[in-house]
Amino acid sequence: MGEVTKEKKLEEFKKVVVPAVFGVLAGAFSFFTGDVGAGVLMLVLAVLAQKYIFMMTKTGMSGRDWVSVVLTTFLWWFIAWTLLLSMS
């Protein structure tokens, strides 16, 4: 097996952290607006915004990576929103 370079590790780290941050922000937005429709819209906008962020940072994305990004964003959105709802 080949060596994993530092740049590859950083790229994989970005593919996990950026969707997590966007998911938490979308979850907080969903909670503070109190409207499920606006929250889902924010989730969709967060996923679309990541496309441009990854293009600007020249991160190589495959179809499998996009599935991972969407799933990670959705899961963090749901976790953040659920935690905020249960704490209130």
N, C-alpha and C. Protein backbone atom coordinates (compact mmCIF):
# COMPACT_ATOMS: atom_id res chain seq x y z
N MET A 1 0.84 -1.18 0.00
CA MET A 1 0.00 0.00 0.00
C MET A 1 0.88 1.25 0.00
N GLY A 2 0.40 2.28 -0.64
CA GLY A 2 1.14 3.53 -0.71
C GLY A 2 0.99 4.34 0.56
N GLU A 3 1.89 5.28 0.69
CA GLU A 3 1.84 6.16 1.84
C GLU A 3 0.73 7.19 1.69
N VAL A 4 0.11 7.52 2.79
CA VAL A 4 -0.90 8.57 2.79
C VAL A 4 -0.19 9.87 3.12
N THR A 5 -0.31 10.83 2.21
CA THR A 5 0.41 12.08 2.39
C THR A 5 -0.33 13.01 3.36
N LYS A 6 0.39 14.00 3.81
CA LYS A 6 -0.18 14.99 4.73
C LYS A 6 -1.32 15.75 4.06
N GLU A 7 -1.17 16.05 2.77
CA GLU A 7 -2.21 16.78 2.04
C GLU A 7 -3.48 15.94 1.92
N LYS A 8 -3.32 14.64 1.71
CA LYS A 8 -4.48 13.75 1.60
C LYS A 8 -5.21 13.66 2.93
N LYS A 9 -4.47 13.59 4.03
CA LYS A 9 -5.09 13.55 5.35
C LYS A 9 -5.85 14.84 5.63
N LEU A 10 -5.27 15.99 5.26
CA LEU A 10 -5.94 17.28 5.46
C LEU A 10 -7.20 17.37 4.62
N GLU A 11 -7.14 16.85 3.39
CA GLU A 11 -8.31 16.87 2.52
C GLU A 11 -9.43 16.01 3.11
N GLU A 12 -9.11 14.84 3.61
CA GLU A 12 -10.11 13.97 4.23
C GLU A 12 -10.67 14.60 5.51
N PHE A 13 -9.84 15.29 6.25
CA PHE A 13 -10.28 15.98 7.46
C PHE A 13 -11.30 17.07 7.11
N LYS A 14 -11.02 17.82 6.04
CA LYS A 14 -11.96 18.86 5.60
C LYS A 14 -13.29 18.27 5.18
N LYS A 15 -13.26 17.08 4.57
CA LYS A 15 -14.49 16.44 4.10
C LYS A 15 -15.37 15.97 5.26
N VAL A 16 -14.81 15.92 6.46
CA VAL A 16 -15.60 15.52 7.63
C VAL A 16 -16.01 16.74 8.46
N VAL A 17 -15.08 17.67 8.66
CA VAL A 17 -15.32 18.80 9.56
C VAL A 17 -16.27 19.83 8.95
N VAL A 18 -16.11 20.15 7.69
CA VAL A 18 -16.96 21.17 7.06
C VAL A 18 -18.44 20.76 7.08
N PRO A 19 -18.79 19.53 6.69
CA PRO A 19 -20.20 19.14 6.79
C PRO A 19 -20.72 19.12 8.23
N ALA A 20 -19.86 18.74 9.17
CA ALA A 20 -20.30 18.72 10.58
C ALA A 20 -20.62 20.13 11.06
N VAL A 21 -19.78 21.09 10.73
CA VAL A 21 -20.01 22.48 11.14
C VAL A 21 -21.28 23.03 10.47
N PHE A 22 -21.43 22.78 9.19
CA PHE A 22 -22.62 23.26 8.49
C PHE A 22 -23.88 22.59 9.02
N GLY A 23 -23.80 21.32 9.38
CA GLY A 23 -24.94 20.62 9.94
C GLY A 23 -25.36 21.19 11.28
N VAL A 24 -24.38 21.48 12.14
CA VAL A 24 -24.70 22.06 13.45
C VAL A 24 -25.29 23.46 13.29
N LEU A 25 -24.74 24.25 12.39
CA LEU A 25 -25.30 25.59 12.15
C LEU A 25 -26.72 25.51 11.60
N ALA A 26 -26.97 24.59 10.69
CA ALA A 26 -28.33 24.42 10.15
C ALA A 26 -29.28 23.93 11.23
N GLY A 27 -28.81 23.06 12.12
CA GLY A 27 -29.64 22.58 13.22
C GLY A 27 -30.01 23.69 14.19
N ALA A 28 -29.04 24.55 14.49
CA ALA A 28 -29.30 25.69 15.36
C ALA A 28 -30.29 26.65 14.70
N PHE A 29 -30.14 26.87 13.40
CA PHE A 29 -31.07 27.73 12.67
C PHE A 29 -32.48 27.15 12.73
N SER A 30 -32.58 25.83 12.54
CA SER A 30 -33.89 25.17 12.60
C SER A 30 -34.55 25.37 13.95
N PHE A 31 -33.76 25.27 15.01
CA PHE A 31 -34.29 25.43 16.35
C PHE A 31 -34.75 26.85 16.61
N PHE A 32 -33.93 27.82 16.26
CA PHE A 32 -34.25 29.21 16.57
C PHE A 32 -35.37 29.78 15.71
N THR A 33 -35.57 29.25 14.51
CA THR A 33 -36.69 29.72 13.70
C THR A 33 -37.99 29.08 14.15
N GLY A 34 -37.91 27.86 14.66
CA GLY A 34 -39.11 27.16 15.11
C GLY A 34 -39.98 26.65 13.98
N ASP A 35 -39.49 26.70 12.77
CA ASP A 35 -40.25 26.27 11.60
C ASP A 35 -39.51 25.13 10.93
N VAL A 36 -40.16 23.98 10.80
CA VAL A 36 -39.50 22.81 10.21
C VAL A 36 -39.17 23.06 8.74
N GLY A 37 -40.07 23.69 8.02
CA GLY A 37 -39.84 23.96 6.60
C GLY A 37 -38.62 24.83 6.37
N ALA A 38 -38.47 25.87 7.18
CA ALA A 38 -37.31 26.74 7.06
C ALA A 38 -36.04 25.99 7.46
N GLY A 39 -36.16 25.09 8.43
CA GLY A 39 -35.01 24.30 8.85
C GLY A 39 -34.53 23.36 7.78
N VAL A 40 -35.46 22.71 7.09
CA VAL A 40 -35.08 21.80 6.00
C VAL A 40 -34.50 22.60 4.83
N LEU A 41 -35.07 23.76 4.58
CA LEU A 41 -34.52 24.63 3.54
C LEU A 41 -33.08 25.03 3.87
N MET A 42 -32.83 25.35 5.13
CA MET A 42 -31.48 25.70 5.56
C MET A 42 -30.54 24.52 5.40
N LEU A 43 -31.02 23.31 5.65
CA LEU A 43 -30.21 22.12 5.46
C LEU A 43 -29.82 21.96 3.99
N VAL A 44 -30.77 22.14 3.11
CA VAL A 44 -30.49 22.03 1.68
C VAL A 44 -29.51 23.12 1.24
N LEU A 45 -29.70 24.34 1.73
CA LEU A 45 -28.78 25.43 1.38
C LEU A 45 -27.38 25.18 1.93
N ALA A 46 -27.29 24.56 3.10
CA ALA A 46 -25.98 24.24 3.68
C ALA A 46 -25.25 23.23 2.81
N VAL A 47 -25.97 22.24 2.30
CA VAL A 47 -25.35 21.24 1.42
C VAL A 47 -24.90 21.89 0.12
N LEU A 48 -25.73 22.76 -0.44
CA LEU A 48 -25.36 23.44 -1.69
C LEU A 48 -24.19 24.39 -1.49
N ALA A 49 -24.12 25.06 -0.37
CA ALA A 49 -23.01 25.98 -0.10
C ALA A 49 -21.69 25.22 -0.01
N GLN A 50 -21.75 23.99 0.48
CA GLN A 50 -20.52 23.21 0.60
C GLN A 50 -19.92 22.88 -0.76
N LYS A 51 -20.78 22.76 -1.77
CA LYS A 51 -20.27 22.50 -3.12
C LYS A 51 -19.30 23.60 -3.54
N TYR A 52 -19.68 24.84 -3.27
CA TYR A 52 -18.84 25.96 -3.68
C TYR A 52 -17.62 26.11 -2.76
N ILE A 53 -17.78 25.76 -1.51
CA ILE A 53 -16.64 25.81 -0.60
C ILE A 53 -15.58 24.80 -1.02
N PHE A 54 -16.02 23.59 -1.34
CA PHE A 54 -15.05 22.58 -1.77
C PHE A 54 -14.45 22.92 -3.13
N MET A 55 -15.21 23.59 -4.00
CA MET A 55 -14.64 24.03 -5.28
C MET A 55 -13.60 25.12 -5.06
N MET A 56 -13.87 26.07 -4.15
CA MET A 56 -12.93 27.16 -3.89
C MET A 56 -11.64 26.66 -3.24
N THR A 57 -11.75 25.63 -2.41
CA THR A 57 -10.55 25.08 -1.76
C THR A 57 -9.88 24.01 -2.60
N LYS A 58 -10.42 23.77 -3.81
CA LYS A 58 -9.86 22.80 -4.74
C LYS A 58 -9.72 21.41 -4.12
N THR A 59 -10.76 21.02 -3.40
CA THR A 59 -10.81 19.70 -2.80
C THR A 59 -11.41 18.74 -3.81
N GLY A 60 -10.71 17.67 -4.11
CA GLY A 60 -11.19 16.68 -5.07
C GLY A 60 -12.35 15.89 -4.48
N MET A 61 -13.49 15.93 -5.14
CA MET A 61 -14.69 15.27 -4.64
C MET A 61 -15.20 14.28 -5.68
N SER A 62 -15.46 13.05 -5.23
CA SER A 62 -16.08 12.06 -6.11
C SER A 62 -17.55 11.93 -5.71
N GLY A 63 -18.28 11.10 -6.43
CA GLY A 63 -19.68 10.88 -6.09
C GLY A 63 -19.85 10.28 -4.71
N ARG A 64 -18.95 9.39 -4.36
CA ARG A 64 -19.00 8.78 -3.03
C ARG A 64 -18.75 9.82 -1.93
N ASP A 65 -17.87 10.77 -2.21
CA ASP A 65 -17.59 11.84 -1.24
C ASP A 65 -18.83 12.71 -1.03
N TRP A 66 -19.58 12.98 -2.11
CA TRP A 66 -20.77 13.82 -1.98
C TRP A 66 -21.84 13.13 -1.17
N VAL A 67 -21.96 11.82 -1.32
CA VAL A 67 -22.93 11.08 -0.51
C VAL A 67 -22.55 11.20 0.96
N SER A 68 -21.26 11.10 1.24
CA SER A 68 -20.77 11.23 2.61
C SER A 68 -21.02 12.63 3.15
N VAL A 69 -20.80 13.64 2.34
CA VAL A 69 -21.01 15.03 2.77
C VAL A 69 -22.48 15.28 3.09
N VAL A 70 -23.37 14.82 2.23
CA VAL A 70 -24.80 15.02 2.45
C VAL A 70 -25.26 14.27 3.69
N LEU A 71 -24.81 13.03 3.84
CA LEU A 71 -25.21 12.24 5.00
C LEU A 71 -24.67 12.84 6.30
N THR A 72 -23.42 13.26 6.30
CA THR A 72 -22.82 13.86 7.49
C THR A 72 -23.53 15.16 7.87
N THR A 73 -23.83 15.99 6.88
CA THR A 73 -24.53 17.24 7.15
C THR A 73 -25.92 16.96 7.72
N PHE A 74 -26.63 16.01 7.12
CA PHE A 74 -27.96 15.67 7.62
C PHE A 74 -27.91 15.15 9.05
N LEU A 75 -26.98 14.25 9.33
CA LEU A 75 -26.91 13.68 10.67
C LEU A 75 -26.58 14.72 11.73
N TRP A 76 -25.62 15.61 11.44
CA TRP A 76 -25.29 16.65 12.42
C TRP A 76 -26.42 17.65 12.57
N TRP A 77 -27.15 17.94 11.49
CA TRP A 77 -28.32 18.81 11.58
C TRP A 77 -29.35 18.20 12.50
N PHE A 78 -29.64 16.92 12.29
CA PHE A 78 -30.64 16.23 13.09
C PHE A 78 -30.22 16.12 14.55
N ILE A 79 -28.95 15.80 14.81
CA ILE A 79 -28.46 15.69 16.19
C ILE A 79 -28.54 17.03 16.90
N ALA A 80 -28.05 18.08 16.24
CA ALA A 80 -28.05 19.41 16.88
C ALA A 80 -29.47 19.89 17.14
N TRP A 81 -30.33 19.72 16.18
CA TRP A 81 -31.72 20.17 16.32
C TRP A 81 -32.43 19.40 17.43
N THR A 82 -32.22 18.08 17.47
CA THR A 82 -32.85 17.25 18.49
C THR A 82 -32.34 17.61 19.88
N LEU A 83 -31.05 17.82 20.02
CA LEU A 83 -30.50 18.19 21.32
C LEU A 83 -31.03 19.54 21.80
N LEU A 84 -31.11 20.48 20.89
CA LEU A 84 -31.63 21.80 21.27
C LEU A 84 -33.11 21.72 21.64
N LEU A 85 -33.87 20.91 20.92
CA LEU A 85 -35.30 20.75 21.25
C LEU A 85 -35.49 20.08 22.60
N SER A 86 -34.66 19.10 22.89
CA SER A 86 -34.83 18.39 24.17
C SER A 86 -34.35 19.21 25.35
N MET A 87 -33.46 20.16 25.14
CA MET A 87 -32.98 21.00 26.23
C MET A 87 -33.93 22.15 26.55
N SER A 88 -34.79 22.48 25.60
CA SER A 88 -35.69 23.62 25.83
C SER A 88 -36.94 23.24 26.56
